[in-house]
Amino acid sequence: MKERWSRILTAVNAAKEMTVADLSRRFSVSEVTIRKDLIELERQGLLLRRHGSAVALEQPAIPPFGIRSRLESDEKEAIARAAAELIHDGDSVLIDAGTTPMAVAVQLKPKKITVVTNSLAVGLELSDSPATVSLACGELIAGRNGVAGPDTEHYLERIRVNWAIIGASGFRPDQGFSTSSAIEAATKKKMIEAAHKVMLVVDHSKFARIKPALFAAFDRIDTVVTSVKTPPAVLRDLEARQIQVIAVEC
């Protein structure tokens, strides 16, 4: 994502709505350029356009990290164990901020790996492990226990790893995986770009939710680790798209 696009999203999400004229003055570019930017950002599902303005996507309240970590906890633990088996000593891994990626981090503690994460919780969890751990910089996102935004994206652009382990909060059967936050989606996209292989770790409940901000099309995903609670038709469709699917018992 272009730096200006990230900053437009940050500004619009903070203000809830901004006019094309306001954005033009703020970013010192023409209104024609801003309109082109907004068309692309709307195409990506990151904001809405309305009568000469850019409007933030409505963001539902996000339960605190501690509460979310207890939802589907047995399923997340089983998913995490299976995901961790794909990571070996010597691997480099990007770990997303989210409760299921956090569960994977717990299972990775014994391994001698290199970890880059935007999750404060993951960093703390692995602080006494054999892993070499680097924390991304950025803006702390309320309810996420992690950082995102333009500074995080710039940091991730300089990173290359074997694996990215990414969580999701929604699913679009015709497009891919999504999340509720446009800023968070932009960070996840950078993680995907930085990784040789991409692993989505997703409990079954996420496949029944549609979130507005798409971050991973099917052709960018190598592996999905989920559980047998996920509808069989969804699992078959993922496999038909040449994605490795691991569905664990829980």
C-alpha atoms as a PDB file:
ATOM      1  CA  MET A   1       0.000   0.000   0.000  1.00  0.00           C
ATOM      2  CA  LYS A   2       1.234   3.488  -0.867  1.00  0.00           C
ATOM      3  CA  GLU A   3       2.315   5.605   2.084  1.00  0.00           C
ATOM      4  CA  ARG A   4      -0.238   8.291   1.163  1.00  0.00           C
ATOM      5  CA  TRP A   5      -3.029   5.701   1.106  1.00  0.00           C
ATOM      6  CA  SER A   6      -2.097   4.521   4.598  1.00  0.00           C
ATOM      7  CA  ARG A   7      -2.095   8.072   5.877  1.00  0.00           C
ATOM      8  CA  ILE A   8      -5.419   8.810   4.192  1.00  0.00           C
ATOM      9  CA  LEU A   9      -6.924   5.782   5.938  1.00  0.00           C
ATOM     10  CA  THR A  10      -5.487   6.868   9.282  1.00  0.00           C
ATOM     11  CA  ALA A  11      -6.902  10.376   8.852  1.00  0.00           C
ATOM     12  CA  VAL A  12     -10.335   9.237   7.676  1.00  0.00           C
ATOM     13  CA  ASN A  13     -10.677   6.608  10.403  1.00  0.00           C
ATOM     14  CA  ALA A  14      -9.789   9.202  13.043  1.00  0.00           C
ATOM     15  CA  ALA A  15     -12.208  11.830  11.706  1.00  0.00           C
ATOM     16  CA  LYS A  16     -14.893   9.321  10.576  1.00  0.00           C
ATOM     17  CA  GLU A  17     -15.469  11.466   7.447  1.00  0.00           C
ATOM     18  CA  MET A  18     -13.289  13.910   5.472  1.00  0.00           C
ATOM     19  CA  THR A  19     -13.996  15.870   2.299  1.00  0.00           C
ATOM     20  CA  VAL A  20     -11.888  15.530  -0.819  1.00  0.00           C
ATOM     21  CA  ALA A  21     -10.911  19.192  -0.392  1.00  0.00           C
ATOM     22  CA  ASP A  22      -9.734  18.611   3.185  1.00  0.00           C
ATOM     23  CA  LEU A  23      -7.669  15.600   2.121  1.00  0.00           C
ATOM     24  CA  SER A  24      -6.208  17.522  -0.804  1.00  0.00           C
ATOM     25  CA  ARG A  25      -4.993  20.298   1.495  1.00  0.00           C
ATOM     26  CA  ARG A  26      -3.749  17.890   4.140  1.00  0.00           C
ATOM     27  CA  PHE A  27      -1.625  15.816   1.765  1.00  0.00           C
ATOM     28  CA  SER A  28      -0.653  18.630  -0.645  1.00  0.00           C
ATOM     29  CA  VAL A  29      -1.928  16.866  -3.760  1.00  0.00           C
ATOM     30  CA  SER A  30      -4.688  17.758  -6.207  1.00  0.00           C
ATOM     31  CA  GLU A  31      -8.315  16.828  -5.648  1.00  0.00           C
ATOM     32  CA  VAL A  32      -8.111  14.716  -8.823  1.00  0.00           C
ATOM     33  CA  THR A  33      -5.312  12.670  -7.226  1.00  0.00           C
ATOM     34  CA  ILE A  34      -7.273  12.300  -3.989  1.00  0.00           C
ATOM     35  CA  ARG A  35     -10.337  11.096  -5.889  1.00  0.00           C
ATOM     36  CA  LYS A  36      -8.225   8.460  -7.651  1.00  0.00           C
ATOM     37  CA  ASP A  37      -6.801   7.393  -4.278  1.00  0.00           C
ATOM     38  CA  LEU A  38     -10.281   7.097  -2.787  1.00  0.00           C
ATOM     39  CA  ILE A  39     -11.556   5.056  -5.736  1.00  0.00           C
ATOM     40  CA  GLU A  40      -8.747   2.554  -5.194  1.00  0.00           C
ATOM     41  CA  LEU A  41      -9.192   2.450  -1.424  1.00  0.00           C
ATOM     42  CA  GLU A  42     -12.927   1.865  -1.844  1.00  0.00           C
ATOM     43  CA  ARG A  43     -12.183  -0.885  -4.401  1.00  0.00           C
ATOM     44  CA  GLN A  44     -10.035  -2.589  -1.769  1.00  0.00           C
ATOM     45  CA  GLY A  45     -12.884  -2.379   0.741  1.00  0.00           C
ATOM     46  CA  LEU A  46     -11.008  -0.021   3.071  1.00  0.00           C
ATOM     47  CA  LEU A  47     -13.381   2.996   3.084  1.00  0.00           C
ATOM     48  CA  LEU A  48     -16.517   4.365   1.445  1.00  0.00           C
ATOM     49  CA  ARG A  49     -16.987   7.355  -0.856  1.00  0.00           C
ATOM     50  CA  ARG A  50     -19.988   9.647  -0.412  1.00  0.00           C
ATOM     51  CA  HIS A  51     -20.781  12.970  -2.161  1.00  0.00           C
ATOM     52  CA  GLY A  52     -17.260  14.363  -2.313  1.00  0.00           C
ATOM     53  CA  SER A  53     -16.168  12.784   0.970  1.00  0.00           C
ATOM     54  CA  ALA A  54     -14.367   9.722   2.257  1.00  0.00           C
ATOM     55  CA  VAL A  55     -16.195   7.870   5.027  1.00  0.00           C
ATOM     56  CA  ALA A  56     -14.638   5.421   7.472  1.00  0.00           C
ATOM     57  CA  LEU A  57     -16.014   1.921   7.583  1.00  0.00           C
ATOM     58  CA  GLU A  58     -18.130   1.395  10.646  1.00  0.00           C
ATOM     59  CA  GLN A  59     -15.974  -0.393  13.181  1.00  0.00           C
ATOM     60  CA  PRO A  60     -17.789  -2.639  15.664  1.00  0.00           C
ATOM     61  CA  ALA A  61     -16.618  -2.596  19.251  1.00  0.00           C
ATOM     62  CA  ILE A  62     -13.779  -5.079  19.732  1.00  0.00           C
ATOM     63  CA  PRO A  63     -13.857  -7.115  22.947  1.00  0.00           C
ATOM     64  CA  PRO A  64     -10.675  -6.884  25.032  1.00  0.00           C
ATOM     65  CA  PHE A  65      -7.845  -9.228  24.051  1.00  0.00           C
ATOM     66  CA  GLY A  66      -8.216 -11.234  27.289  1.00  0.00           C
ATOM     67  CA  ILE A  67     -11.878 -11.949  26.616  1.00  0.00           C
ATOM     68  CA  ARG A  68     -11.276 -12.917  22.980  1.00  0.00           C
ATOM     69  CA  SER A  69      -8.451 -15.243  23.969  1.00  0.00           C
ATOM     70  CA  ARG A  70     -10.912 -17.294  26.031  1.00  0.00           C
ATOM     71  CA  LEU A  71     -13.384 -17.721  23.147  1.00  0.00           C
ATOM     72  CA  GLU A  72     -13.034 -21.114  21.425  1.00  0.00           C
ATOM     73  CA  SER A  73      -9.910 -21.618  23.550  1.00  0.00           C
ATOM     74  CA  ASP A  74      -9.720 -25.421  23.170  1.00  0.00           C
ATOM     75  CA  GLU A  75     -10.110 -25.127  19.415  1.00  0.00           C
ATOM     76  CA  LYS A  76      -7.458 -22.406  19.203  1.00  0.00           C
ATOM     77  CA  GLU A  77      -5.030 -24.511  21.220  1.00  0.00           C
ATOM     78  CA  ALA A  78      -5.516 -27.504  18.901  1.00  0.00           C
ATOM     79  CA  ILE A  79      -5.056 -25.266  15.848  1.00  0.00           C
ATOM     80  CA  ALA A  80      -1.929 -23.769  17.402  1.00  0.00           C
ATOM     81  CA  ARG A  81      -0.348 -27.173  18.029  1.00  0.00           C
ATOM     82  CA  ALA A  82      -0.874 -28.199  14.405  1.00  0.00           C
ATOM     83  CA  ALA A  83       0.436 -24.866  13.104  1.00  0.00           C
ATOM     84  CA  ALA A  84       3.558 -25.050  15.276  1.00  0.00           C
ATOM     85  CA  GLU A  85       4.435 -28.451  13.795  1.00  0.00           C
ATOM     86  CA  LEU A  86       5.035 -26.718  10.445  1.00  0.00           C
ATOM     87  CA  ILE A  87       7.700 -24.441  11.964  1.00  0.00           C
ATOM     88  CA  HIS A  88      11.196 -25.833  12.480  1.00  0.00           C
ATOM     89  CA  ASP A  89      14.367 -24.745  14.271  1.00  0.00           C
ATOM     90  CA  GLY A  90      16.130 -22.130  12.184  1.00  0.00           C
ATOM     91  CA  ASP A  91      12.962 -20.766  10.566  1.00  0.00           C
ATOM     92  CA  SER A  92      12.119 -17.074  10.532  1.00  0.00           C
ATOM     93  CA  VAL A  93       8.493 -16.262  11.329  1.00  0.00           C
ATOM     94  CA  LEU A  94       6.228 -13.225  11.318  1.00  0.00           C
ATOM     95  CA  ILE A  95       3.482 -13.583  13.940  1.00  0.00           C
ATOM     96  CA  ASP A  96       0.387 -11.444  13.656  1.00  0.00           C
ATOM     97  CA  ALA A  97      -1.374  -9.718  16.550  1.00  0.00           C
ATOM     98  CA  GLY A  98      -4.420 -11.827  17.395  1.00  0.00           C
ATOM     99  CA  THR A  99      -5.541 -14.477  19.826  1.00  0.00           C
ATOM    100  CA  THR A 100      -4.993 -17.500  17.571  1.00  0.00           C
ATOM    101  CA  PRO A 101      -1.509 -16.385  16.430  1.00  0.00           C
ATOM    102  CA  MET A 102      -0.809 -15.793  20.130  1.00  0.00           C
ATOM    103  CA  ALA A 103      -1.799 -19.411  20.847  1.00  0.00           C
ATOM    104  CA  VAL A 104       0.657 -20.498  18.137  1.00  0.00           C
ATOM    105  CA  ALA A 105       3.412 -18.441  19.804  1.00  0.00           C
ATOM    106  CA  VAL A 106       2.884 -20.390  23.041  1.00  0.00           C
ATOM    107  CA  GLN A 107       3.427 -23.646  21.150  1.00  0.00           C
ATOM    108  CA  LEU A 108       6.568 -22.264  19.484  1.00  0.00           C
ATOM    109  CA  LYS A 109       8.329 -21.425  22.763  1.00  0.00           C
ATOM    110  CA  PRO A 110      10.699 -24.435  22.760  1.00  0.00           C
ATOM    111  CA  LYS A 111      11.926 -23.765  19.216  1.00  0.00           C
ATOM    112  CA  LYS A 112      15.098 -21.945  18.178  1.00  0.00           C
ATOM    113  CA  ILE A 113      13.599 -19.606  15.620  1.00  0.00           C
ATOM    114  CA  THR A 114      13.638 -15.937  14.649  1.00  0.00           C
ATOM    115  CA  VAL A 115      10.383 -14.121  15.308  1.00  0.00           C
ATOM    116  CA  VAL A 116       9.172 -10.713  14.158  1.00  0.00           C
ATOM    117  CA  THR A 117       5.832  -9.626  15.569  1.00  0.00           C
ATOM    118  CA  ASN A 118       3.549  -6.632  15.906  1.00  0.00           C
ATOM    119  CA  SER A 119       1.968  -8.218  18.992  1.00  0.00           C
ATOM    120  CA  LEU A 120       2.998  -7.039  22.449  1.00  0.00           C
ATOM    121  CA  ALA A 121       1.558 -10.239  23.913  1.00  0.00           C
ATOM    122  CA  VAL A 122       3.601 -12.460  21.584  1.00  0.00           C
ATOM    123  CA  GLY A 123       6.765 -10.508  22.366  1.00  0.00           C
ATOM    124  CA  LEU A 124       6.249 -10.946  26.097  1.00  0.00           C
ATOM    125  CA  GLU A 125       5.327 -14.624  25.730  1.00  0.00           C
ATOM    126  CA  LEU A 126       8.542 -15.391  23.846  1.00  0.00           C
ATOM    127  CA  SER A 127      10.809 -13.140  25.906  1.00  0.00           C
ATOM    128  CA  ASP A 128      12.161 -16.089  27.922  1.00  0.00           C
ATOM    129  CA  SER A 129      12.324 -18.543  25.006  1.00  0.00           C
ATOM    130  CA  PRO A 130      15.289 -19.587  22.807  1.00  0.00           C
ATOM    131  CA  ALA A 131      13.806 -17.510  19.980  1.00  0.00           C
ATOM    132  CA  THR A 132      15.305 -14.253  18.745  1.00  0.00           C
ATOM    133  CA  VAL A 133      12.408 -11.812  18.937  1.00  0.00           C
ATOM    134  CA  SER A 134      11.967  -8.418  17.253  1.00  0.00           C
ATOM    135  CA  LEU A 135       9.005  -6.113  17.879  1.00  0.00           C
ATOM    136  CA  ALA A 136       7.650  -3.929  15.078  1.00  0.00           C
ATOM    137  CA  CYS A 137       7.081  -0.261  15.789  1.00  0.00           C
ATOM    138  CA  GLY A 138       3.790   1.511  15.204  1.00  0.00           C
ATOM    139  CA  GLU A 139       0.553   2.808  16.679  1.00  0.00           C
ATOM    140  CA  LEU A 140      -0.976   0.746  19.477  1.00  0.00           C
ATOM    141  CA  ILE A 141      -4.422  -0.419  18.334  1.00  0.00           C
ATOM    142  CA  ALA A 142      -7.105  -0.432  21.025  1.00  0.00           C
ATOM    143  CA  GLY A 143      -8.311  -3.913  21.916  1.00  0.00           C
ATOM    144  CA  ARG A 144      -5.706  -5.640  19.737  1.00  0.00           C
ATOM    145  CA  ASN A 145      -2.655  -5.730  22.018  1.00  0.00           C
ATOM    146  CA  GLY A 146      -0.583  -4.943  18.952  1.00  0.00           C
ATOM    147  CA  VAL A 147       0.639  -2.161  16.680  1.00  0.00           C
ATOM    148  CA  ALA A 148      -0.313  -1.184  13.139  1.00  0.00           C
ATOM    149  CA  GLY A 149      -0.259   1.803  10.820  1.00  0.00           C
ATOM    150  CA  PRO A 150       2.248   3.427   8.459  1.00  0.00           C
ATOM    151  CA  ASP A 151       5.273   3.037  10.749  1.00  0.00           C
ATOM    152  CA  THR A 152       4.540  -0.687  11.134  1.00  0.00           C
ATOM    153  CA  GLU A 153       4.160  -1.052   7.379  1.00  0.00           C
ATOM    154  CA  HIS A 154       7.498   0.680   6.734  1.00  0.00           C
ATOM    155  CA  TYR A 155       9.151  -1.658   9.225  1.00  0.00           C
ATOM    156  CA  LEU A 156       7.656  -4.743   7.586  1.00  0.00           C
ATOM    157  CA  GLU A 157       8.775  -3.647   4.124  1.00  0.00           C
ATOM    158  CA  ARG A 158      12.369  -4.307   5.226  1.00  0.00           C
ATOM    159  CA  ILE A 159      11.620  -7.816   6.522  1.00  0.00           C
ATOM    160  CA  ARG A 160      11.817 -11.173   4.728  1.00  0.00           C
ATOM    161  CA  VAL A 161      10.843 -14.397   6.508  1.00  0.00           C
ATOM    162  CA  ASN A 162      10.090 -18.059   5.829  1.00  0.00           C
ATOM    163  CA  TRP A 163       6.563 -17.949   7.274  1.00  0.00           C
ATOM    164  CA  ALA A 164       3.853 -15.456   8.173  1.00  0.00           C
ATOM    165  CA  ILE A 165       1.313 -16.702  10.713  1.00  0.00           C
ATOM    166  CA  ILE A 166      -1.823 -14.607  10.324  1.00  0.00           C
ATOM    167  CA  GLY A 167      -5.185 -14.535  12.067  1.00  0.00           C
ATOM    168  CA  ALA A 168      -8.488 -13.375  10.558  1.00  0.00           C
ATOM    169  CA  SER A 169     -11.806 -12.165  11.912  1.00  0.00           C
ATOM    170  CA  GLY A 170     -13.879 -12.750   8.795  1.00  0.00           C
ATOM    171  CA  PHE A 171     -14.170 -14.682   5.537  1.00  0.00           C
ATOM    172  CA  ARG A 172     -15.573 -13.938   2.081  1.00  0.00           C
ATOM    173  CA  PRO A 173     -16.212 -17.171   0.141  1.00  0.00           C
ATOM    174  CA  ASP A 174     -15.653 -15.449  -3.189  1.00  0.00           C
ATOM    175  CA  GLN A 175     -12.618 -13.348  -2.228  1.00  0.00           C
ATOM    176  CA  GLY A 176     -10.611 -14.459   0.808  1.00  0.00           C
ATOM    177  CA  PHE A 177      -9.991 -13.492   4.416  1.00  0.00           C
ATOM    178  CA  SER A 178     -10.892 -10.197   6.037  1.00  0.00           C
ATOM    179  CA  THR A 179     -10.758  -8.204   9.244  1.00  0.00           C
ATOM    180  CA  SER A 180     -12.795  -5.401  10.797  1.00  0.00           C
ATOM    181  CA  SER A 181     -10.031  -2.771  10.725  1.00  0.00           C
ATOM    182  CA  ALA A 182      -8.717  -1.159   7.539  1.00  0.00           C
ATOM    183  CA  ILE A 183      -5.456  -0.191   9.245  1.00  0.00           C
ATOM    184  CA  GLU A 184      -5.000  -3.713  10.581  1.00  0.00           C
ATOM    185  CA  ALA A 185      -5.719  -5.141   7.116  1.00  0.00           C
ATOM    186  CA  ALA A 186      -2.977  -2.987   5.602  1.00  0.00           C
ATOM    187  CA  THR A 187      -0.485  -4.327   8.160  1.00  0.00           C
ATOM    188  CA  LYS A 188      -1.500  -7.928   7.496  1.00  0.00           C
ATOM    189  CA  LYS A 189      -0.966  -7.360   3.763  1.00  0.00           C
ATOM    190  CA  LYS A 190       2.592  -6.206   4.443  1.00  0.00           C
ATOM    191  CA  MET A 191       3.210  -9.332   6.527  1.00  0.00           C
ATOM    192  CA  ILE A 192       1.998 -11.476   3.651  1.00  0.00           C
ATOM    193  CA  GLU A 193       4.259  -9.654   1.195  1.00  0.00           C
ATOM    194  CA  ALA A 194       7.242 -10.233   3.497  1.00  0.00           C
ATOM    195  CA  ALA A 195       6.798 -14.006   3.767  1.00  0.00           C
ATOM    196  CA  HIS A 196       7.858 -16.880   1.536  1.00  0.00           C
ATOM    197  CA  LYS A 197       4.879 -18.895   2.824  1.00  0.00           C
ATOM    198  CA  VAL A 198       1.647 -17.688   4.427  1.00  0.00           C
ATOM    199  CA  MET A 199      -0.306 -19.627   7.034  1.00  0.00           C
ATOM    200  CA  LEU A 200      -3.794 -18.565   8.149  1.00  0.00           C
ATOM    201  CA  VAL A 201      -4.806 -19.825  11.608  1.00  0.00           C
ATOM    202  CA  VAL A 202      -8.565 -19.484  11.947  1.00  0.00           C
ATOM    203  CA  ASP A 203     -11.162 -21.052  14.237  1.00  0.00           C
ATOM    204  CA  HIS A 204     -14.445 -22.173  12.709  1.00  0.00           C
ATOM    205  CA  SER A 205     -16.481 -19.181  13.920  1.00  0.00           C
ATOM    206  CA  LYS A 206     -14.612 -16.780  11.622  1.00  0.00           C
ATOM    207  CA  PHE A 207     -15.934 -18.514   8.500  1.00  0.00           C
ATOM    208  CA  ALA A 208     -19.470 -17.380   9.395  1.00  0.00           C
ATOM    209  CA  ARG A 209     -18.509 -13.702   9.657  1.00  0.00           C
ATOM    210  CA  ILE A 210     -18.127 -11.133   6.914  1.00  0.00           C
ATOM    211  CA  LYS A 211     -15.775  -8.291   7.806  1.00  0.00           C
ATOM    212  CA  PRO A 212     -15.255  -5.253   5.573  1.00  0.00           C
ATOM    213  CA  ALA A 213     -11.474  -5.079   5.128  1.00  0.00           C
ATOM    214  CA  LEU A 214     -10.100  -7.798   2.836  1.00  0.00           C
ATOM    215  CA  PHE A 215      -6.417  -8.555   3.409  1.00  0.00           C
ATOM    216  CA  ALA A 216      -5.678 -11.955   1.832  1.00  0.00           C
ATOM    217  CA  ALA A 217      -6.920 -13.228  -1.510  1.00  0.00           C
ATOM    218  CA  PHE A 218      -6.855 -16.999  -1.913  1.00  0.00           C
ATOM    219  CA  ASP A 219      -3.840 -16.969  -4.222  1.00  0.00           C
ATOM    220  CA  ARG A 220      -1.700 -15.390  -1.482  1.00  0.00           C
ATOM    221  CA  ILE A 221      -2.324 -18.201   1.019  1.00  0.00           C
ATOM    222  CA  ASP A 222      -0.327 -21.426   1.231  1.00  0.00           C
ATOM    223  CA  THR A 223      -1.863 -23.095   4.292  1.00  0.00           C
ATOM    224  CA  VAL A 224      -5.014 -22.756   6.364  1.00  0.00           C
ATOM    225  CA  VAL A 225      -5.059 -24.382   9.784  1.00  0.00           C
ATOM    226  CA  THR A 226      -8.554 -24.650  11.242  1.00  0.00           C
ATOM    227  CA  SER A 227     -10.714 -27.315  12.873  1.00  0.00           C
ATOM    228  CA  VAL A 228     -13.191 -29.971  11.830  1.00  0.00           C
ATOM    229  CA  LYS A 229     -15.946 -27.620  13.059  1.00  0.00           C
ATOM    230  CA  THR A 230     -15.438 -25.567   9.890  1.00  0.00           C
ATOM    231  CA  PRO A 231     -18.124 -26.438   7.283  1.00  0.00           C
ATOM    232  CA  PRO A 232     -16.868 -29.213   4.968  1.00  0.00           C
ATOM    233  CA  ALA A 233     -17.904 -27.233   1.900  1.00  0.00           C
ATOM    234  CA  VAL A 234     -15.563 -24.422   2.951  1.00  0.00           C
ATOM    235  CA  LEU A 235     -12.685 -26.867   3.451  1.00  0.00           C
ATOM    236  CA  ARG A 236     -13.289 -28.422   0.032  1.00  0.00           C
ATOM    237  CA  ASP A 237     -13.401 -25.005  -1.618  1.00  0.00           C
ATOM    238  CA  LEU A 238     -10.074 -23.997  -0.028  1.00  0.00           C
ATOM    239  CA  GLU A 239      -8.462 -27.230  -1.188  1.00  0.00           C
ATOM    240  CA  ALA A 240      -9.835 -26.699  -4.701  1.00  0.00           C
ATOM    241  CA  ARG A 241      -7.951 -23.401  -4.696  1.00  0.00           C
ATOM    242  CA  GLN A 242      -4.676 -25.310  -4.160  1.00  0.00           C
ATOM    243  CA  ILE A 243      -4.431 -24.317  -0.485  1.00  0.00           C
ATOM    244  CA  GLN A 244      -3.111 -26.834   2.015  1.00  0.00           C
ATOM    245  CA  VAL A 245      -5.869 -27.353   4.584  1.00  0.00           C
ATOM    246  CA  ILE A 246      -5.240 -28.806   8.032  1.00  0.00           C
ATOM    247  CA  ALA A 247      -8.483 -29.381   9.979  1.00  0.00           C
ATOM    248  CA  VAL A 248      -7.777 -30.529  13.547  1.00  0.00           C
ATOM    249  CA  GLU A 249      -9.947 -32.391  15.991  1.00  0.00           C
ATOM    250  CA  CYS A 250     -10.799 -30.366  19.093  1.00  0.00           C
END
